[in-house]
Amino acid sequence: MKKFLILFFMLGIFSFTSCSDDDDAAPTQTSIVDTWVLTAVSPPVIDLQCPQPSTITFTANGTASWELYAANNDCVLEDSEGAWEKKSDNNYTIYIPNLQAVNGTIDFDGSDSFTFTTNISEVKVNAVLSFDRQL
């Protein structure tokens, strides 16, 4: 009987000192401050099939710089400067070339990609821009 009491006591101690599963989980990136590659635009109003990647760099001071290469513009560089602002959890205002500042939501997919979803009122369409972290 003593052996069973000791066994139950030991099981109780181990159950209170077990490790949490989330200790080993990698932190999820939730900041856009970095350089990102534009990988897709939906609806496909920009043809990204160029040898050079189109990128946007977000800085910690709220500025953004685009380098856009579009096949429907003979892959000629269109660069522009703008700004970005985090409004709340996943709501942002981002300057998009030729559209000025647009509001939308950012959804991170892990730490190396995100989508920006917005309603572009000038053309009355919902747009989704997908980005991967530039390596």
N, C-alpha and C. Protein backbone atom coordinates (compact mmCIF):
# COMPACT_ATOMS: atom_id res chain seq x y z
N MET A 1 0.82 -1.19 0.00
CA MET A 1 0.00 0.00 0.00
C MET A 1 0.87 1.26 0.00
N LYS A 2 1.98 1.21 0.75
CA LYS A 2 2.88 2.34 0.80
C LYS A 2 3.46 2.65 -0.58
N LYS A 3 3.76 1.61 -1.35
CA LYS A 3 4.32 1.79 -2.68
C LYS A 3 3.33 2.53 -3.59
N PHE A 4 2.04 2.21 -3.48
CA PHE A 4 1.04 2.89 -4.29
C PHE A 4 0.90 4.36 -3.91
N LEU A 5 0.97 4.65 -2.61
CA LEU A 5 0.90 6.04 -2.17
C LEU A 5 2.10 6.84 -2.69
N ILE A 6 3.27 6.23 -2.64
CA ILE A 6 4.47 6.91 -3.14
C ILE A 6 4.34 7.11 -4.64
N LEU A 7 3.83 6.12 -5.36
CA LEU A 7 3.65 6.23 -6.81
C LEU A 7 2.68 7.36 -7.16
N PHE A 8 1.54 7.44 -6.47
CA PHE A 8 0.57 8.51 -6.73
C PHE A 8 1.16 9.87 -6.37
N PHE A 9 1.93 9.93 -5.30
CA PHE A 9 2.58 11.17 -4.90
C PHE A 9 3.56 11.64 -5.98
N MET A 10 4.35 10.71 -6.51
CA MET A 10 5.32 11.04 -7.56
C MET A 10 4.61 11.49 -8.84
N LEU A 11 3.53 10.81 -9.22
CA LEU A 11 2.77 11.21 -10.39
C LEU A 11 2.20 12.62 -10.23
N GLY A 12 1.75 12.93 -9.04
CA GLY A 12 1.22 14.26 -8.77
C GLY A 12 2.28 15.33 -8.90
N ILE A 13 3.48 15.06 -8.40
CA ILE A 13 4.57 16.02 -8.51
C ILE A 13 4.95 16.25 -9.97
N PHE A 14 5.05 15.16 -10.76
CA PHE A 14 5.41 15.30 -12.17
C PHE A 14 4.34 16.03 -12.97
N SER A 15 3.08 15.84 -12.61
CA SER A 15 2.03 16.52 -13.37
C SER A 15 2.05 18.03 -13.13
N PHE A 16 2.52 18.48 -11.97
CA PHE A 16 2.58 19.91 -11.69
C PHE A 16 3.86 20.56 -12.21
N THR A 17 4.86 19.77 -12.56
CA THR A 17 6.12 20.33 -13.02
C THR A 17 6.39 20.06 -14.49
N SER A 18 5.37 19.67 -15.23
CA SER A 18 5.59 19.39 -16.65
C SER A 18 5.84 20.68 -17.41
N CYS A 19 6.53 20.56 -18.53
CA CYS A 19 6.88 21.72 -19.34
C CYS A 19 5.72 22.11 -20.23
N SER A 20 5.66 23.36 -20.55
CA SER A 20 4.64 23.87 -21.45
C SER A 20 5.06 23.60 -22.89
N ASP A 21 4.09 23.31 -23.78
CA ASP A 21 4.37 23.03 -25.17
C ASP A 21 4.84 24.26 -25.93
N ASP A 22 4.43 25.45 -25.50
CA ASP A 22 4.76 26.63 -26.26
C ASP A 22 6.16 27.18 -25.98
N ASP A 23 6.92 26.54 -25.11
CA ASP A 23 8.27 26.99 -24.83
C ASP A 23 9.18 26.89 -26.05
N ASP A 24 8.95 25.89 -26.90
CA ASP A 24 9.81 25.66 -28.05
C ASP A 24 9.31 26.34 -29.31
N ALA A 25 8.16 26.94 -29.26
CA ALA A 25 7.59 27.56 -30.45
C ALA A 25 8.37 28.83 -30.80
N ALA A 26 8.63 28.98 -32.09
CA ALA A 26 9.34 30.18 -32.56
C ALA A 26 8.38 31.37 -32.51
N PRO A 27 8.88 32.54 -32.16
CA PRO A 27 7.99 33.70 -32.15
C PRO A 27 7.53 34.05 -33.56
N THR A 28 6.31 34.54 -33.66
CA THR A 28 5.75 34.91 -34.95
C THR A 28 6.04 36.38 -35.22
N GLN A 29 6.50 36.65 -36.42
CA GLN A 29 6.80 38.01 -36.82
C GLN A 29 5.49 38.78 -36.96
N THR A 30 5.39 39.91 -36.32
CA THR A 30 4.19 40.74 -36.46
C THR A 30 4.56 42.18 -36.78
N SER A 31 5.73 42.39 -37.31
CA SER A 31 6.16 43.73 -37.71
C SER A 31 6.49 43.69 -39.19
N ILE A 32 6.10 44.75 -39.89
CA ILE A 32 6.41 44.80 -41.32
C ILE A 32 7.73 45.51 -41.59
N VAL A 33 8.41 45.95 -40.55
CA VAL A 33 9.68 46.65 -40.73
C VAL A 33 10.71 45.66 -41.29
N ASP A 34 11.02 45.82 -42.56
CA ASP A 34 11.96 44.94 -43.27
C ASP A 34 11.78 45.19 -44.76
N THR A 35 12.47 44.42 -45.58
CA THR A 35 12.29 44.47 -47.02
C THR A 35 11.53 43.23 -47.45
N TRP A 36 10.48 43.43 -48.24
CA TRP A 36 9.57 42.36 -48.65
C TRP A 36 9.48 42.32 -50.17
N VAL A 37 9.33 41.11 -50.71
CA VAL A 37 9.17 40.90 -52.15
C VAL A 37 7.68 40.73 -52.45
N LEU A 38 7.18 41.51 -53.40
CA LEU A 38 5.79 41.37 -53.84
C LEU A 38 5.70 40.12 -54.71
N THR A 39 4.96 39.11 -54.25
CA THR A 39 4.91 37.83 -54.95
C THR A 39 3.64 37.62 -55.76
N ALA A 40 2.57 38.33 -55.40
CA ALA A 40 1.31 38.15 -56.12
C ALA A 40 0.40 39.35 -55.87
N VAL A 41 -0.43 39.62 -56.87
CA VAL A 41 -1.45 40.66 -56.77
C VAL A 41 -2.74 40.05 -57.29
N SER A 42 -3.80 40.17 -56.50
CA SER A 42 -5.08 39.63 -56.91
C SER A 42 -6.14 40.71 -56.73
N PRO A 43 -6.90 41.04 -57.77
CA PRO A 43 -6.85 40.52 -59.14
C PRO A 43 -5.51 40.92 -59.79
N PRO A 44 -5.10 40.16 -60.78
CA PRO A 44 -3.76 40.34 -61.36
C PRO A 44 -3.65 41.57 -62.27
N VAL A 45 -3.71 42.74 -61.68
CA VAL A 45 -3.60 43.98 -62.45
C VAL A 45 -2.14 44.34 -62.75
N ILE A 46 -1.22 43.70 -62.06
CA ILE A 46 0.21 43.89 -62.30
C ILE A 46 0.81 42.53 -62.66
N ASP A 47 1.51 42.47 -63.77
CA ASP A 47 2.19 41.25 -64.19
C ASP A 47 3.60 41.27 -63.60
N LEU A 48 3.88 40.41 -62.65
CA LEU A 48 5.15 40.41 -61.94
C LEU A 48 6.19 39.50 -62.58
N GLN A 49 5.98 39.05 -63.80
CA GLN A 49 6.90 38.13 -64.48
C GLN A 49 8.10 38.88 -65.07
N CYS A 50 8.94 39.41 -64.20
CA CYS A 50 10.15 40.12 -64.61
C CYS A 50 11.35 39.44 -63.96
N PRO A 51 12.54 39.61 -64.55
CA PRO A 51 13.72 39.01 -63.94
C PRO A 51 14.03 39.58 -62.55
N GLN A 52 13.70 40.85 -62.33
CA GLN A 52 13.95 41.50 -61.05
C GLN A 52 12.72 41.38 -60.16
N PRO A 53 12.91 41.17 -58.87
CA PRO A 53 11.76 41.14 -57.97
C PRO A 53 11.29 42.56 -57.63
N SER A 54 10.00 42.71 -57.47
CA SER A 54 9.44 43.97 -56.98
C SER A 54 9.49 43.92 -55.46
N THR A 55 9.99 44.99 -54.85
CA THR A 55 10.15 44.99 -53.40
C THR A 55 9.57 46.26 -52.78
N ILE A 56 9.30 46.15 -51.49
CA ILE A 56 8.96 47.32 -50.68
C ILE A 56 9.74 47.19 -49.39
N THR A 57 10.29 48.31 -48.95
CA THR A 57 11.03 48.35 -47.69
C THR A 57 10.29 49.27 -46.73
N PHE A 58 9.90 48.72 -45.60
CA PHE A 58 9.25 49.49 -44.54
C PHE A 58 10.31 49.78 -43.47
N THR A 59 10.46 51.03 -43.08
CA THR A 59 11.41 51.39 -42.05
C THR A 59 10.69 51.67 -40.73
N ALA A 60 11.45 51.63 -39.66
CA ALA A 60 10.86 51.85 -38.34
C ALA A 60 10.33 53.27 -38.15
N ASN A 61 10.83 54.22 -38.95
CA ASN A 61 10.36 55.60 -38.80
C ASN A 61 9.11 55.91 -39.63
N GLY A 62 8.50 54.87 -40.24
CA GLY A 62 7.23 55.06 -40.95
C GLY A 62 7.35 55.38 -42.42
N THR A 63 8.55 55.27 -42.99
CA THR A 63 8.68 55.50 -44.42
C THR A 63 8.68 54.16 -45.15
N ALA A 64 8.38 54.23 -46.43
CA ALA A 64 8.36 53.04 -47.27
C ALA A 64 8.92 53.40 -48.64
N SER A 65 9.66 52.48 -49.21
CA SER A 65 10.16 52.71 -50.57
C SER A 65 9.88 51.48 -51.41
N TRP A 66 9.30 51.72 -52.59
CA TRP A 66 8.93 50.68 -53.53
C TRP A 66 9.94 50.62 -54.67
N GLU A 67 10.21 49.41 -55.13
CA GLU A 67 10.89 49.18 -56.40
C GLU A 67 10.00 48.19 -57.15
N LEU A 68 9.24 48.72 -58.09
CA LEU A 68 8.24 47.92 -58.80
C LEU A 68 8.69 47.65 -60.22
N TYR A 69 8.72 46.36 -60.57
CA TYR A 69 9.01 45.92 -61.93
C TYR A 69 7.78 45.17 -62.44
N ALA A 70 7.18 45.66 -63.50
CA ALA A 70 5.97 45.03 -64.04
C ALA A 70 6.19 44.71 -65.51
N ALA A 71 5.83 43.50 -65.90
CA ALA A 71 5.99 43.09 -67.29
C ALA A 71 5.10 43.92 -68.20
N ASN A 72 3.95 44.39 -67.70
CA ASN A 72 3.10 45.23 -68.53
C ASN A 72 3.65 46.65 -68.65
N ASN A 73 4.86 46.89 -68.10
CA ASN A 73 5.60 48.13 -68.28
C ASN A 73 7.03 47.81 -68.76
N ASP A 74 7.17 46.72 -69.49
CA ASP A 74 8.46 46.27 -70.03
C ASP A 74 9.53 46.08 -68.96
N CYS A 75 9.13 45.74 -67.73
CA CYS A 75 10.03 45.49 -66.60
C CYS A 75 10.95 46.67 -66.30
N VAL A 76 10.47 47.87 -66.61
CA VAL A 76 11.22 49.09 -66.30
C VAL A 76 10.95 49.43 -64.83
N LEU A 77 12.00 49.80 -64.12
CA LEU A 77 11.88 50.14 -62.71
C LEU A 77 11.00 51.37 -62.51
N GLU A 78 10.01 51.22 -61.63
CA GLU A 78 9.21 52.34 -61.14
C GLU A 78 9.46 52.39 -59.65
N ASP A 79 10.23 53.38 -59.20
CA ASP A 79 10.48 53.47 -57.77
C ASP A 79 9.74 54.66 -57.20
N SER A 80 9.36 54.54 -55.96
CA SER A 80 8.64 55.63 -55.30
C SER A 80 8.86 55.54 -53.80
N GLU A 81 8.67 56.67 -53.18
CA GLU A 81 8.78 56.78 -51.73
C GLU A 81 7.41 57.08 -51.17
N GLY A 82 7.17 56.63 -49.97
CA GLY A 82 5.89 56.89 -49.34
C GLY A 82 5.98 56.67 -47.85
N ALA A 83 4.86 56.34 -47.28
CA ALA A 83 4.79 56.15 -45.83
C ALA A 83 3.89 54.98 -45.51
N TRP A 84 3.98 54.54 -44.29
CA TRP A 84 3.07 53.52 -43.78
C TRP A 84 2.79 53.85 -42.32
N GLU A 85 1.64 53.33 -41.84
CA GLU A 85 1.26 53.57 -40.45
C GLU A 85 0.42 52.39 -39.96
N LYS A 86 0.74 51.92 -38.78
CA LYS A 86 -0.05 50.87 -38.14
C LYS A 86 -1.16 51.56 -37.35
N LYS A 87 -2.41 51.29 -37.74
CA LYS A 87 -3.55 51.94 -37.10
C LYS A 87 -4.00 51.20 -35.84
N SER A 88 -4.03 49.87 -35.92
CA SER A 88 -4.39 49.02 -34.78
C SER A 88 -3.81 47.64 -35.06
N ASP A 89 -4.28 46.62 -34.36
CA ASP A 89 -3.69 45.28 -34.43
C ASP A 89 -3.20 44.89 -35.82
N ASN A 90 -4.11 44.76 -36.77
CA ASN A 90 -3.68 44.38 -38.12
C ASN A 90 -4.19 45.36 -39.18
N ASN A 91 -4.60 46.54 -38.76
CA ASN A 91 -5.05 47.58 -39.69
C ASN A 91 -3.91 48.56 -39.95
N TYR A 92 -3.63 48.78 -41.24
CA TYR A 92 -2.52 49.62 -41.66
C TYR A 92 -2.97 50.58 -42.76
N THR A 93 -2.24 51.66 -42.89
CA THR A 93 -2.33 52.53 -44.05
C THR A 93 -0.97 52.46 -44.73
N ILE A 94 -0.97 52.10 -46.02
CA ILE A 94 0.27 51.94 -46.77
C ILE A 94 0.16 52.74 -48.06
N TYR A 95 1.23 53.46 -48.39
CA TYR A 95 1.29 54.17 -49.65
C TYR A 95 1.58 53.16 -50.75
N ILE A 96 0.73 53.13 -51.77
CA ILE A 96 0.91 52.24 -52.92
C ILE A 96 1.08 53.14 -54.15
N PRO A 97 2.15 52.93 -54.93
CA PRO A 97 2.37 53.80 -56.10
C PRO A 97 1.13 53.90 -56.98
N ASN A 98 0.86 55.09 -57.45
CA ASN A 98 -0.27 55.41 -58.33
C ASN A 98 -1.62 55.35 -57.63
N LEU A 99 -1.67 55.02 -56.36
CA LEU A 99 -2.94 54.98 -55.64
C LEU A 99 -2.92 55.84 -54.38
N GLN A 100 -1.78 56.37 -54.02
CA GLN A 100 -1.60 57.12 -52.78
C GLN A 100 -1.75 56.19 -51.58
N ALA A 101 -2.21 56.71 -50.46
CA ALA A 101 -2.32 55.92 -49.23
C ALA A 101 -3.63 55.13 -49.23
N VAL A 102 -3.52 53.84 -48.94
CA VAL A 102 -4.72 53.00 -48.86
C VAL A 102 -4.74 52.30 -47.51
N ASN A 103 -5.95 52.09 -47.01
CA ASN A 103 -6.14 51.38 -45.75
C ASN A 103 -6.42 49.92 -46.03
N GLY A 104 -5.96 49.06 -45.14
CA GLY A 104 -6.22 47.64 -45.30
C GLY A 104 -5.76 46.86 -44.09
N THR A 105 -5.85 45.55 -44.20
CA THR A 105 -5.44 44.67 -43.12
C THR A 105 -4.27 43.81 -43.55
N ILE A 106 -3.40 43.55 -42.61
CA ILE A 106 -2.25 42.67 -42.84
C ILE A 106 -2.45 41.41 -42.04
N ASP A 107 -2.28 40.28 -42.72
CA ASP A 107 -2.34 38.98 -42.06
C ASP A 107 -1.02 38.26 -42.29
N PHE A 108 -0.29 37.99 -41.20
CA PHE A 108 0.99 37.30 -41.30
C PHE A 108 0.75 35.80 -41.43
N ASP A 109 1.55 35.17 -42.26
CA ASP A 109 1.56 33.72 -42.41
C ASP A 109 2.93 33.26 -41.95
N GLY A 110 3.08 33.07 -40.65
CA GLY A 110 4.40 32.78 -40.10
C GLY A 110 5.19 34.06 -40.01
N SER A 111 6.51 33.94 -40.04
CA SER A 111 7.35 35.12 -39.89
C SER A 111 7.90 35.63 -41.21
N ASP A 112 7.67 34.89 -42.30
CA ASP A 112 8.31 35.27 -43.56
C ASP A 112 7.35 35.66 -44.68
N SER A 113 6.07 35.82 -44.39
CA SER A 113 5.14 36.26 -45.44
C SER A 113 3.90 36.90 -44.82
N PHE A 114 3.29 37.78 -45.61
CA PHE A 114 2.03 38.37 -45.19
C PHE A 114 1.23 38.79 -46.41
N THR A 115 -0.06 39.00 -46.20
CA THR A 115 -0.92 39.55 -47.24
C THR A 115 -1.49 40.88 -46.75
N PHE A 116 -1.66 41.78 -47.70
CA PHE A 116 -2.29 43.07 -47.43
C PHE A 116 -3.56 43.11 -48.24
N THR A 117 -4.69 43.21 -47.57
CA THR A 117 -6.00 43.22 -48.22
C THR A 117 -6.61 44.60 -48.07
N THR A 118 -7.06 45.15 -49.20
CA THR A 118 -7.62 46.49 -49.19
C THR A 118 -8.76 46.60 -50.19
N ASN A 119 -9.57 47.61 -50.02
CA ASN A 119 -10.60 47.93 -50.99
C ASN A 119 -10.15 49.21 -51.68
N ILE A 120 -9.85 49.12 -52.95
CA ILE A 120 -9.40 50.28 -53.70
C ILE A 120 -10.62 50.96 -54.30
N SER A 121 -11.01 52.05 -53.66
CA SER A 121 -12.27 52.70 -54.04
C SER A 121 -12.22 53.31 -55.44
N GLU A 122 -11.04 53.72 -55.91
CA GLU A 122 -10.94 54.33 -57.23
C GLU A 122 -11.38 53.37 -58.33
N VAL A 123 -11.10 52.10 -58.14
CA VAL A 123 -11.48 51.10 -59.15
C VAL A 123 -12.54 50.14 -58.63
N LYS A 124 -13.02 50.40 -57.42
CA LYS A 124 -14.10 49.61 -56.80
C LYS A 124 -13.82 48.12 -56.84
N VAL A 125 -12.68 47.74 -56.26
CA VAL A 125 -12.31 46.32 -56.23
C VAL A 125 -11.54 46.03 -54.94
N ASN A 126 -11.73 44.83 -54.43
CA ASN A 126 -10.90 44.36 -53.33
C ASN A 126 -9.60 43.84 -53.91
N ALA A 127 -8.51 44.20 -53.32
CA ALA A 127 -7.20 43.77 -53.81
C ALA A 127 -6.44 43.08 -52.69
N VAL A 128 -5.67 42.06 -53.05
CA VAL A 128 -4.82 41.35 -52.11
C VAL A 128 -3.41 41.34 -52.67
N LEU A 129 -2.48 41.87 -51.91
CA LEU A 129 -1.07 41.87 -52.28
C LEU A 129 -0.36 40.90 -51.35
N SER A 130 0.41 39.98 -51.90
CA SER A 130 1.13 38.99 -51.10
C SER A 130 2.61 39.30 -51.12
N PHE A 131 3.24 39.18 -49.96
CA PHE A 131 4.65 39.50 -49.79
C PHE A 131 5.39 38.39 -49.09
N ASP A 132 6.65 38.18 -49.47
CA ASP A 132 7.57 37.29 -48.76
C ASP A 132 8.76 38.11 -48.32
N ARG A 133 9.30 37.75 -47.16
CA ARG A 133 10.49 38.45 -46.66
C ARG A 133 11.64 38.25 -47.65
N GLN A 134 12.36 39.33 -47.97
CA GLN A 134 13.50 39.22 -48.86
C GLN A 134 14.66 38.59 -48.09
N LEU A 135 15.23 37.56 -48.68
CA LEU A 135 16.34 36.87 -48.01
C LEU A 135 17.66 37.39 -48.48
